[in-house]
Amino acid sequence: MKHLLAVREQLISGKISLKEVTDGYLETINSRNPEINAFVHVDEDDVRNQAASIQKKIDNGTAGSLAGAVVGVKDVICEKGKKTTCASHILRNFESVYEATVIRKLLNEDALLIGRANMDEFAMGSSTENSIYGASKNPVNTEHVTGGSSGGSAAVVAADMCNVSLGSDTGGSIRQPASYCGVVGLKPTYSRVSRYGLVAYASSFDCIGPFSKNVTDAAIMLKHISGHDPMDNSSSDKPVDDYLADLNSNSTSLKVGVPEEYFGEGLDSEVRKIIEDQLKALENDGVELVPVKLPHMKYGIATYYILATAEASSNLARFDGIRYGHRADHKKVEEELSAERAEIKKTLKGKSVAEIEQEMGRVDSQLIRLYKNSRTEGFGTEVKRRILLGTYVLSAGYYDAYYAKAQKVRRLIKNDFSEAFKKVDVIVSPTAPTTAFKLGENMNDPLQMYLNDVYTISANLAGICGISVPAGTHSNGLPVGIQFMGNAFRESDILRAARRVELLHN
């Protein structure tokens, strides 16, 4: 597939029309999506109306620089007037009343938004199996997962249902599915891209980033969604680099750090060989490989799942059936409470009024029971698991032992990267320890599911940038990704490294 610049050039020259481009994608969606289940909503009339409007701008020479970009959007990013469900029953009927900043930026440059992409509920998962819409399937082999939580966003690009998409990355949710589906996935530096309009999972980790078929398109998309946003107090006012110009610069010098911590136990032997072969090819191409150490990475998984779940517990407290989201049936709540009170009265027959009142006081109020029922019915198993874990580590008596200690380890991990980046431009690792596993294989083993993020969570803990680019194909026929991580606001470095792999791989 040609990259965005080539598509735009053909549109401007009149060789193709945007109608032809979108019709082609809609045809693919209609033929492939019923099986892959990557898009959860596509409004064909709206898509065609968007195409006609943008085509008019192309014809009169006023089209924005993203005319020709057909974008899938993860169902956790708000589009005004469209459902933003986060693949959760609790938000099944929620329609966004405002536009996320990244969406506004894309629309201002005449990108076409083609549909909403499937995901793990509230971005909690590594396989896109935790969704009210059902699991997404890997376009390379539909018996396998897409990865997650942005699995739908990876799959729509891999299956040629659009040329680029947006996902969110809290602990690897862009890079891991990019590796599993054989596409490019980029997580920017924390605060590089506005989070306004992104439904929060863990606010100090969440990042919005692009999926694409090639590194050039990732650079183009990143340029257009980056920048300071007054609506997001955490967004950086640091100037945005010209990523495309940097990508095409004549600079060839590149120092790549190779940490032994990322090539140890748990890494599939064939994935290891594919990554090592890529490193040899890079070295033969003039790249300098430098051994580096990240000694605190062994605590990465534990640190991440303590901190991220703590933030999730706080962020998801708003979904209570009163302010936001699904509300349980009032009558059912009243009937439950009446039945419980009647049962207590039977067991306390002959007791004093004071004793009866004391026991009755232990029964939920109607409001508390409404909260409980609404959240019980609205949230899925994995979301409940993470809320419970987060509430536990924040509770009195455990805060210092878990949450406060994890914050200290997070700082040590960040310091490890800071020291390493004094010696190298980027740090390399496998994106995931294995290729995409089979659907259902890890659903009953949460710990094994969490371990799929072992190589990606460190970038989120440290607040740095990372990219996954296809590195080869396993003997099982599934893609393998290689990851490059760069220092904060050094996206140009990881894009250059990924581009070198792309050129060697092709």
Protein backbone atom coordinates (compact mmCIF):
# COMPACT_ATOMS: atom_id res chain seq x y z
CA MET A 1 0.00 0.00 0.00
CA LYS A 2 1.31 3.46 -0.89
CA HIS A 3 1.99 5.87 1.93
CA LEU A 4 -0.09 8.94 2.68
CA LEU A 5 2.05 11.36 0.65
CA ALA A 6 1.64 9.22 -2.46
CA VAL A 7 -2.13 8.96 -1.98
CA ARG A 8 -2.40 12.70 -1.49
CA GLU A 9 -0.31 13.32 -4.62
CA GLN A 10 -2.61 11.09 -6.68
CA LEU A 11 -5.71 12.81 -5.27
CA ILE A 12 -4.39 16.27 -6.10
CA SER A 13 -3.32 15.21 -9.59
CA GLY A 14 -6.77 13.71 -10.21
CA LYS A 15 -5.48 10.20 -10.90
CA ILE A 16 -7.84 8.89 -8.24
CA SER A 17 -10.76 10.34 -6.28
CA LEU A 18 -11.37 10.14 -2.56
CA LYS A 19 -14.62 8.34 -3.36
CA GLU A 20 -12.64 5.56 -5.03
CA VAL A 21 -10.31 5.36 -2.02
CA THR A 22 -13.12 5.19 0.54
CA ASP A 23 -15.25 2.83 -1.55
CA GLY A 24 -12.30 0.46 -1.68
CA TYR A 25 -11.94 0.52 2.09
CA LEU A 26 -15.69 0.12 2.65
CA GLU A 27 -15.70 -2.88 0.33
CA THR A 28 -12.88 -4.45 2.33
CA ILE A 29 -14.68 -3.70 5.59
CA ASN A 30 -17.87 -5.34 4.35
CA SER A 31 -16.00 -8.45 3.23
CA ARG A 32 -13.47 -8.89 6.07
CA ASN A 33 -14.86 -7.22 9.18
CA PRO A 34 -17.66 -9.76 9.85
CA GLU A 35 -14.93 -12.33 10.54
CA ILE A 36 -12.19 -10.13 12.02
CA ASN A 37 -14.51 -7.94 14.14
CA ALA A 38 -12.04 -5.06 14.21
CA PHE A 39 -14.49 -2.22 13.55
CA VAL A 40 -17.45 -1.98 15.93
CA HIS A 41 -19.19 0.88 14.12
CA VAL A 42 -18.98 2.20 10.55
CA ASP A 43 -21.55 4.69 9.24
CA GLU A 44 -21.22 4.34 5.46
CA ASP A 45 -23.43 7.34 4.71
CA ASP A 46 -21.36 9.54 6.98
CA VAL A 47 -18.13 8.23 5.43
CA ARG A 48 -19.34 9.02 1.93
CA ASN A 49 -20.49 12.48 3.00
CA GLN A 50 -17.06 13.14 4.50
CA ALA A 51 -15.40 11.97 1.28
CA ALA A 52 -17.57 14.23 -0.89
CA SER A 53 -16.89 17.26 1.32
CA ILE A 54 -13.12 16.69 1.33
CA GLN A 55 -13.11 16.04 -2.43
CA LYS A 56 -14.58 19.49 -3.01
CA LYS A 57 -11.67 20.99 -1.09
CA ILE A 58 -9.21 18.90 -3.10
CA ASP A 59 -10.80 20.12 -6.33
CA ASN A 60 -10.57 23.79 -5.38
CA GLY A 61 -7.08 23.51 -3.87
CA THR A 62 -7.98 24.15 -0.23
CA ALA A 63 -7.66 20.63 1.18
CA GLY A 64 -5.68 20.11 4.36
CA SER A 65 -2.45 18.15 4.48
CA LEU A 66 -4.16 14.93 5.64
CA ALA A 67 -6.61 14.70 2.75
CA GLY A 68 -6.35 11.05 1.73
CA ALA A 69 -5.77 9.78 5.28
CA VAL A 70 -8.57 7.33 6.09
CA VAL A 71 -8.46 6.85 9.85
CA GLY A 72 -9.85 4.23 12.20
CA VAL A 73 -10.39 5.47 15.77
CA LYS A 74 -10.15 3.38 18.92
CA ASP A 75 -13.44 3.36 20.80
CA VAL A 76 -11.89 5.15 23.78
CA ILE A 77 -11.33 8.46 21.96
CA CYS A 78 -14.29 10.85 21.88
CA GLU A 79 -15.88 11.90 18.59
CA LYS A 80 -18.70 14.38 19.02
CA GLY A 81 -22.10 12.89 18.22
CA LYS A 82 -20.78 9.32 18.10
CA LYS A 83 -20.92 6.58 20.68
CA THR A 84 -17.80 6.22 22.81
CA THR A 85 -18.40 2.94 24.63
CA CYS A 86 -14.88 1.86 25.61
CA ALA A 87 -16.18 -1.62 24.67
CA SER A 88 -18.00 -1.68 28.02
CA HIS A 89 -21.62 -2.34 28.91
CA ILE A 90 -21.50 0.51 31.39
CA LEU A 91 -21.04 3.00 28.49
CA ARG A 92 -22.98 1.09 25.85
CA ASN A 93 -25.32 4.01 25.15
CA PHE A 94 -22.98 6.93 25.87
CA GLU A 95 -22.74 9.45 23.04
CA SER A 96 -19.89 11.93 23.22
CA VAL A 97 -20.87 15.58 23.48
CA TYR A 98 -17.42 16.90 22.62
CA GLU A 99 -14.45 16.23 20.36
CA ALA A 100 -11.08 14.90 21.51
CA THR A 101 -8.24 17.25 20.60
CA VAL A 102 -6.59 14.64 18.35
CA ILE A 103 -9.87 14.21 16.45
CA ARG A 104 -10.23 17.97 15.98
CA LYS A 105 -6.64 18.18 14.70
CA LEU A 106 -7.27 15.41 12.16
CA LEU A 107 -10.53 16.92 10.96
CA ASN A 108 -8.90 20.34 10.61
CA GLU A 109 -6.45 18.77 8.15
CA ASP A 110 -9.23 16.92 6.27
CA ALA A 111 -8.55 13.39 7.43
CA LEU A 112 -11.53 11.08 6.93
CA LEU A 113 -12.71 9.16 10.01
CA ILE A 114 -14.05 5.83 8.77
CA GLY A 115 -15.07 3.96 11.92
CA ARG A 116 -14.71 3.04 15.58
CA ALA A 117 -12.25 0.24 16.38
CA ASN A 118 -12.69 -2.60 18.86
CA MET A 119 -10.63 -2.76 22.05
CA ASP A 120 -10.29 -4.38 25.47
CA GLU A 121 -12.85 -2.89 27.85
CA PHE A 122 -11.55 0.45 29.17
CA ALA A 123 -8.19 -0.42 27.55
CA MET A 124 -7.59 -3.16 30.14
CA GLY A 125 -6.18 -6.21 28.43
CA SER A 126 -3.55 -7.55 26.06
CA SER A 127 -5.68 -9.41 23.53
CA THR A 128 -8.89 -7.46 22.65
CA GLU A 129 -10.89 -10.36 24.05
CA ASN A 130 -12.36 -8.29 26.91
CA SER A 131 -14.97 -6.49 24.81
CA ILE A 132 -18.76 -6.37 24.81
CA TYR A 133 -18.52 -6.68 21.02
CA GLY A 134 -16.61 -9.95 21.18
CA ALA A 135 -12.95 -10.62 20.43
CA SER A 136 -11.14 -9.18 17.42
CA LYS A 137 -9.25 -11.72 15.32
CA ASN A 138 -5.78 -11.37 13.87
CA PRO A 139 -5.98 -10.69 10.11
CA VAL A 140 -2.82 -12.77 9.56
CA ASN A 141 -4.38 -15.84 11.21
CA THR A 142 -7.90 -15.55 12.58
CA GLU A 143 -7.32 -18.29 15.15
CA HIS A 144 -5.03 -15.89 17.00
CA VAL A 145 -5.52 -12.67 18.96
CA THR A 146 -4.77 -9.19 17.68
CA GLY A 147 -3.09 -8.15 20.92
CA GLY A 148 -4.44 -5.33 22.99
CA SER A 149 -5.83 -3.21 24.20
CA SER A 150 -5.74 -1.41 20.82
CA GLY A 151 -6.13 -4.66 18.89
CA GLY A 152 -8.95 -3.35 16.72
CA SER A 153 -6.88 -0.33 15.68
CA ALA A 154 -3.97 -2.59 14.68
CA ALA A 155 -6.20 -5.05 12.84
CA VAL A 156 -8.03 -2.45 10.72
CA VAL A 157 -4.69 -1.28 9.32
CA ALA A 158 -3.31 -4.79 8.88
CA ALA A 159 -6.48 -5.88 7.06
CA ASP A 160 -6.43 -2.84 4.70
CA MET A 161 -9.70 -1.45 6.07
CA CYS A 162 -8.03 1.99 6.34
CA ASN A 163 -4.53 3.32 5.83
CA VAL A 164 -3.91 4.63 9.38
CA SER A 165 -5.59 4.46 12.78
CA LEU A 166 -5.39 5.84 16.30
CA GLY A 167 -4.92 3.79 19.44
CA SER A 168 -3.98 4.42 23.05
CA ASP A 169 -1.00 3.01 24.93
CA THR A 170 -0.95 2.66 28.73
CA GLY A 171 1.54 -0.20 29.06
CA GLY A 172 2.14 -1.33 25.48
CA SER A 173 -1.37 -1.22 24.03
CA ILE A 174 -0.20 0.23 20.71
CA ARG A 175 3.16 -1.50 20.30
CA GLN A 176 2.19 -5.05 21.29
CA PRO A 177 -0.80 -5.35 18.90
CA ALA A 178 1.32 -3.69 16.18
CA SER A 179 3.84 -6.50 16.64
CA TYR A 180 1.15 -9.20 16.64
CA CYS A 181 -0.54 -7.86 13.49
CA GLY A 182 2.59 -6.92 11.54
CA VAL A 183 2.15 -3.14 11.37
CA VAL A 184 3.91 -0.05 12.73
CA GLY A 185 2.72 1.25 16.12
CA LEU A 186 4.08 4.35 17.83
CA LYS A 187 3.72 5.48 21.46
CA PRO A 188 4.77 9.12 21.82
CA THR A 189 6.46 10.63 24.85
CA TYR A 190 4.00 11.22 27.67
CA SER A 191 2.50 14.73 27.21
CA ARG A 192 3.56 15.00 23.55
CA VAL A 193 -0.04 14.34 22.38
CA SER A 194 -3.06 15.78 24.20
CA ARG A 195 -5.14 13.33 26.22
CA TYR A 196 -8.19 15.60 26.15
CA GLY A 197 -11.07 13.42 24.98
CA LEU A 198 -9.33 10.15 25.80
CA VAL A 199 -11.35 8.21 28.39
CA ALA A 200 -8.81 7.68 31.16
CA TYR A 201 -7.49 4.32 32.33
CA ALA A 202 -4.29 5.42 34.12
CA SER A 203 -3.76 9.14 33.69
CA SER A 204 0.00 9.24 34.26
CA PHE A 205 0.58 6.47 31.70
CA ASP A 206 -2.00 6.97 28.91
CA CYS A 207 -0.79 8.12 25.47
CA ILE A 208 -2.55 8.41 22.09
CA GLY A 209 -0.55 7.29 19.06
CA PRO A 210 -0.83 6.08 15.46
CA PHE A 211 -0.83 2.72 13.65
CA SER A 212 0.29 2.58 10.02
CA LYS A 213 1.64 0.29 7.32
CA ASN A 214 4.98 2.13 7.22
CA VAL A 215 7.19 4.41 9.30
CA THR A 216 6.68 7.42 7.02
CA ASP A 217 2.93 7.45 7.70
CA ALA A 218 3.57 7.14 11.44
CA ALA A 219 5.81 10.22 11.25
CA ILE A 220 3.16 12.17 9.33
CA MET A 221 0.38 11.25 11.75
CA LEU A 222 2.49 12.02 14.80
CA LYS A 223 3.34 15.47 13.46
CA HIS A 224 -0.33 16.34 13.08
CA ILE A 225 -1.61 15.06 16.42
CA SER A 226 1.23 16.43 18.57
CA GLY A 227 1.52 19.77 20.35
CA HIS A 228 0.42 21.73 23.38
CA ASP A 229 -3.28 21.77 24.24
CA PRO A 230 -4.72 24.27 26.74
CA MET A 231 -7.47 21.72 27.43
CA ASP A 232 -4.89 19.26 28.83
CA ASN A 233 -2.81 20.59 31.71
CA SER A 234 -0.35 17.71 31.33
CA SER A 235 0.43 18.41 27.66
CA SER A 236 3.87 19.76 26.87
CA ASP A 237 4.53 23.13 25.24
CA LYS A 238 7.83 21.87 23.85
CA PRO A 239 7.98 22.60 20.08
CA VAL A 240 7.02 19.71 17.79
CA ASP A 241 9.82 18.41 15.56
CA ASP A 242 9.43 17.98 11.81
CA TYR A 243 9.45 14.20 12.03
CA LEU A 244 9.18 13.63 8.29
CA ALA A 245 12.11 15.92 7.51
CA ASP A 246 14.18 14.24 10.25
CA LEU A 247 13.26 10.83 8.86
CA ASN A 248 14.51 11.78 5.41
CA SER A 249 17.65 13.57 6.60
CA ASN A 250 21.09 12.42 5.51
CA SER A 251 22.12 11.62 9.06
CA THR A 252 23.09 7.95 9.26
CA SER A 253 24.87 7.78 12.63
CA LEU A 254 22.86 5.86 15.18
CA LYS A 255 23.84 4.32 18.50
CA VAL A 256 21.53 1.52 19.61
CA GLY A 257 21.59 0.31 23.20
CA VAL A 258 21.12 -3.43 23.70
CA PRO A 259 20.04 -4.26 27.29
CA GLU A 260 20.69 -7.81 28.45
CA GLU A 261 17.56 -7.57 30.63
CA TYR A 262 15.36 -7.75 27.51
CA PHE A 263 16.96 -10.86 26.06
CA GLY A 264 16.72 -13.25 29.00
CA GLU A 265 14.32 -15.90 30.26
CA GLY A 266 10.82 -16.01 28.79
CA LEU A 267 11.74 -14.83 25.30
CA ASP A 268 10.73 -17.25 22.52
CA SER A 269 13.92 -18.61 20.93
CA GLU A 270 12.81 -17.89 17.39
CA VAL A 271 11.71 -14.35 18.27
CA ARG A 272 15.16 -13.86 19.82
CA LYS A 273 16.87 -15.04 16.63
CA ILE A 274 14.77 -12.75 14.42
CA ILE A 275 15.66 -9.75 16.61
CA GLU A 276 19.34 -10.70 16.75
CA ASP A 277 19.41 -11.09 12.95
CA GLN A 278 17.96 -7.59 12.62
CA LEU A 279 20.61 -6.23 14.96
CA LYS A 280 23.37 -7.87 12.92
CA ALA A 281 21.90 -6.37 9.76
CA LEU A 282 21.79 -2.93 11.39
CA GLU A 283 25.38 -3.29 12.54
CA ASN A 284 26.47 -4.24 9.01
CA ASP A 285 24.61 -1.13 7.82
CA GLY A 286 26.74 1.11 10.03
CA VAL A 287 24.68 1.23 13.22
CA GLU A 288 26.70 1.06 16.43
CA LEU A 289 25.43 -1.48 18.98
CA VAL A 290 26.21 -0.61 22.60
CA PRO A 291 25.54 -2.88 25.62
CA VAL A 292 23.50 -1.06 28.29
CA LYS A 293 22.00 -2.04 31.64
CA LEU A 294 18.52 -1.43 33.02
CA PRO A 295 18.91 -3.09 36.44
CA HIS A 296 15.48 -2.22 37.85
CA MET A 297 13.49 -3.61 34.93
CA LYS A 298 12.94 -6.87 36.84
CA TYR A 299 10.46 -4.89 38.96
CA GLY A 300 8.68 -3.40 35.95
CA ILE A 301 5.61 -5.64 35.76
CA ALA A 302 4.86 -5.42 39.49
CA THR A 303 5.44 -1.66 39.55
CA TYR A 304 3.22 -1.05 36.54
CA TYR A 305 0.29 -3.15 37.72
CA ILE A 306 0.32 -1.53 41.17
CA LEU A 307 0.39 2.03 39.86
CA ALA A 308 -1.86 1.60 36.81
CA THR A 309 -4.57 -0.25 38.72
CA ALA A 310 -4.46 2.35 41.50
CA GLU A 311 -5.12 5.09 38.94
CA ALA A 312 -7.80 2.96 37.28
CA SER A 313 -9.60 2.51 40.60
CA SER A 314 -9.72 6.28 41.00
CA ASN A 315 -10.61 7.10 37.37
CA LEU A 316 -13.41 4.55 37.07
CA ALA A 317 -15.10 5.62 40.30
CA ARG A 318 -17.10 8.14 38.25
CA PHE A 319 -18.97 5.34 36.47
CA ASP A 320 -21.57 4.73 39.16
CA GLY A 321 -24.89 4.73 37.31
CA ILE A 322 -25.74 8.19 38.60
CA ARG A 323 -23.28 10.58 36.95
CA TYR A 324 -22.21 8.38 34.05
CA GLY A 325 -23.00 5.06 32.53
CA HIS A 326 -25.37 2.14 32.90
CA ARG A 327 -27.88 2.37 35.76
CA ALA A 328 -29.32 -0.75 37.37
CA ASP A 329 -33.09 -1.25 37.51
CA HIS A 330 -34.57 0.76 40.42
CA LYS A 331 -37.40 -1.69 40.99
CA LYS A 332 -35.00 -4.60 41.16
CA VAL A 333 -32.95 -2.74 43.77
CA GLU A 334 -36.07 -2.02 45.85
CA GLU A 335 -37.20 -5.66 45.62
CA GLU A 336 -33.75 -6.94 46.70
CA LEU A 337 -33.63 -4.65 49.72
CA SER A 338 -37.21 -5.44 50.74
CA ALA A 339 -36.48 -9.16 50.55
CA GLU A 340 -33.30 -8.79 52.63
CA ARG A 341 -35.07 -6.74 55.30
CA ALA A 342 -37.94 -9.24 55.46
CA GLU A 343 -35.45 -12.08 55.93
CA ILE A 344 -33.71 -10.20 58.76
CA LYS A 345 -37.02 -9.59 60.52
CA LYS A 346 -37.74 -13.34 60.44
CA THR A 347 -34.37 -14.25 61.96
CA LEU A 348 -34.69 -11.56 64.65
CA LYS A 349 -38.20 -12.46 65.80
CA GLY A 350 -38.50 -11.77 69.49
CA LYS A 351 -35.46 -9.44 69.56
CA SER A 352 -35.61 -5.90 70.88
CA VAL A 353 -36.31 -2.93 68.63
CA ALA A 354 -32.71 -1.74 69.15
CA GLU A 355 -31.31 -5.08 68.00
CA ILE A 356 -33.56 -5.13 64.94
CA GLU A 357 -32.58 -1.56 64.04
CA GLN A 358 -28.89 -2.44 64.41
CA GLU A 359 -29.19 -5.35 62.01
CA MET A 360 -31.27 -3.33 59.57
CA GLY A 361 -28.57 -0.68 59.59
CA ARG A 362 -26.18 -3.17 58.02
CA VAL A 363 -28.36 -3.47 54.93
CA ASP A 364 -27.30 -1.22 52.06
CA SER A 365 -29.10 2.02 51.51
CA GLN A 366 -31.00 2.19 48.24
CA LEU A 367 -28.32 4.50 46.77
CA ILE A 368 -25.41 2.24 47.77
CA ARG A 369 -27.17 -0.82 46.36
CA LEU A 370 -27.86 1.10 43.14
CA TYR A 371 -24.13 1.86 42.87
CA LYS A 372 -23.22 -1.76 43.51
CA ASN A 373 -25.68 -3.23 41.04
CA SER A 374 -24.87 -0.68 38.34
CA ARG A 375 -21.13 -1.34 38.53
CA THR A 376 -21.56 -5.11 38.90
CA GLU A 377 -23.72 -5.24 35.78
CA GLY A 378 -21.72 -2.65 33.86
CA PHE A 379 -18.10 -3.74 34.27
CA GLY A 380 -16.51 -6.90 32.89
CA THR A 381 -14.32 -9.36 34.78
CA GLU A 382 -10.93 -7.85 33.94
CA VAL A 383 -12.04 -4.31 34.77
CA LYS A 384 -13.41 -5.48 38.12
CA ARG A 385 -10.15 -7.31 38.82
CA ARG A 386 -8.08 -4.19 38.23
CA ILE A 387 -10.41 -1.91 40.20
CA LEU A 388 -10.21 -4.28 43.17
CA LEU A 389 -6.42 -4.50 42.95
CA GLY A 390 -6.11 -0.73 42.67
CA THR A 391 -8.44 -0.10 45.58
CA TYR A 392 -6.45 -2.57 47.69
CA VAL A 393 -3.05 -0.95 47.07
CA LEU A 394 -4.50 2.48 47.88
CA SER A 395 -6.23 1.37 51.07
CA ALA A 396 -5.14 2.32 54.58
CA GLY A 397 -2.35 0.07 55.77
CA TYR A 398 -1.24 -0.89 52.27
CA TYR A 399 -0.63 2.49 50.61
CA ASP A 400 2.96 2.82 51.88
CA ALA A 401 3.76 -0.87 51.40
CA TYR A 402 2.63 -0.97 47.76
CA TYR A 403 1.68 2.30 46.07
CA ALA A 404 4.32 4.58 47.63
CA LYS A 405 7.04 1.99 47.16
CA ALA A 406 6.03 1.43 43.52
CA GLN A 407 6.32 5.17 42.87
CA LYS A 408 9.89 5.06 44.18
CA VAL A 409 10.73 2.13 41.91
CA ARG A 410 9.20 3.99 38.98
CA ARG A 411 11.71 6.78 39.59
CA LEU A 412 14.57 4.25 39.68
CA ILE A 413 13.42 2.80 36.34
CA LYS A 414 13.30 6.28 34.84
CA ASN A 415 16.80 6.95 36.16
CA ASP A 416 18.05 3.72 34.52
CA PHE A 417 16.84 5.00 31.15
CA SER A 418 18.31 8.45 31.72
CA GLU A 419 21.72 6.92 32.35
CA ALA A 420 21.45 4.65 29.31
CA PHE A 421 20.49 7.54 27.02
CA LYS A 422 23.72 9.32 27.94
CA LYS A 423 25.46 6.61 25.87
CA VAL A 424 22.97 5.77 23.11
CA ASP A 425 20.31 7.31 20.88
CA VAL A 426 17.75 4.52 21.22
CA ILE A 427 17.29 1.25 23.12
CA VAL A 428 16.19 -1.91 21.34
CA SER A 429 14.17 -4.91 22.48
CA PRO A 430 11.66 -7.43 21.20
CA THR A 431 8.19 -5.87 21.29
CA ALA A 432 6.62 -8.99 22.81
CA PRO A 433 8.11 -12.25 24.15
CA THR A 434 6.10 -14.38 21.69
CA THR A 435 4.01 -14.04 18.59
CA ALA A 436 0.22 -13.67 18.90
CA PHE A 437 -1.22 -16.45 21.04
CA LYS A 438 -4.42 -18.32 20.21
CA LEU A 439 -7.84 -16.91 21.04
CA GLY A 440 -8.88 -18.01 24.52
CA GLU A 441 -5.45 -19.38 25.38
CA ASN A 442 -4.70 -16.97 28.24
CA MET A 443 -8.19 -15.82 29.25
CA ASN A 444 -8.11 -17.86 32.47
CA ASP A 445 -4.52 -16.92 33.34
CA PRO A 446 -4.36 -13.17 34.10
CA LEU A 447 -0.69 -13.28 35.13
CA GLN A 448 0.38 -14.85 31.84
CA MET A 449 -1.67 -12.20 30.03
CA TYR A 450 0.09 -9.44 31.98
CA LEU A 451 3.52 -10.85 31.10
CA ASN A 452 2.86 -10.09 27.43
CA ASP A 453 3.61 -6.45 28.33
CA VAL A 454 7.01 -7.20 29.87
CA TYR A 455 9.02 -5.34 27.19
CA THR A 456 6.64 -2.44 26.60
CA ILE A 457 5.60 -1.20 30.06
CA SER A 458 9.01 0.34 30.78
CA ALA A 459 8.47 3.15 28.26
CA ASN A 460 5.22 4.11 30.00
CA LEU A 461 6.79 3.93 33.45
CA ALA A 462 9.61 6.23 32.32
CA GLY A 463 7.38 8.50 30.20
CA ILE A 464 9.55 8.02 27.11
CA CYS A 465 8.65 7.19 23.50
CA GLY A 466 8.60 3.80 21.78
CA ILE A 467 7.82 2.27 18.40
CA SER A 468 7.25 -1.26 17.11
CA VAL A 469 8.11 -2.07 13.50
CA PRO A 470 7.84 -5.45 11.72
CA ALA A 471 11.11 -7.38 11.94
CA GLY A 472 10.27 -10.71 10.34
CA THR A 473 7.96 -13.70 10.32
CA HIS A 474 8.02 -16.62 12.76
CA SER A 475 7.97 -20.20 11.46
CA ASN A 476 4.34 -20.29 12.65
CA GLY A 477 3.55 -17.67 10.00
CA LEU A 478 2.89 -14.84 12.47
CA PRO A 479 4.63 -11.45 12.52
CA VAL A 480 7.42 -10.48 14.92
CA GLY A 481 8.01 -6.87 15.92
CA ILE A 482 11.16 -5.10 17.06
CA GLN A 483 10.86 -2.20 19.50
CA PHE A 484 12.93 0.96 19.75
CA MET A 485 12.63 3.27 22.75
CA GLY A 486 13.93 6.83 22.75
CA ASN A 487 14.47 9.53 25.32
CA ALA A 488 11.66 11.96 26.10
CA PHE A 489 10.67 14.03 23.04
CA ARG A 490 13.19 12.17 20.85
CA GLU A 491 10.58 10.59 18.57
CA SER A 492 12.79 11.47 15.61
CA ASP A 493 15.41 9.01 16.89
CA ILE A 494 13.06 6.04 17.16
CA LEU A 495 11.53 6.86 13.78
CA ARG A 496 14.98 6.88 12.17
CA ALA A 497 15.84 3.55 13.80
CA ALA A 498 12.53 2.00 12.74
CA ARG A 499 13.01 3.31 9.21
CA ARG A 500 16.44 1.63 9.02
CA VAL A 501 14.84 -1.71 9.95
CA GLU A 502 12.05 -1.14 7.47
CA LEU A 503 14.49 -0.51 4.62
CA LEU A 504 16.58 -3.58 5.54
CA HIS A 505 13.50 -5.75 6.03
CA ASN A 506 12.05 -4.80 2.66
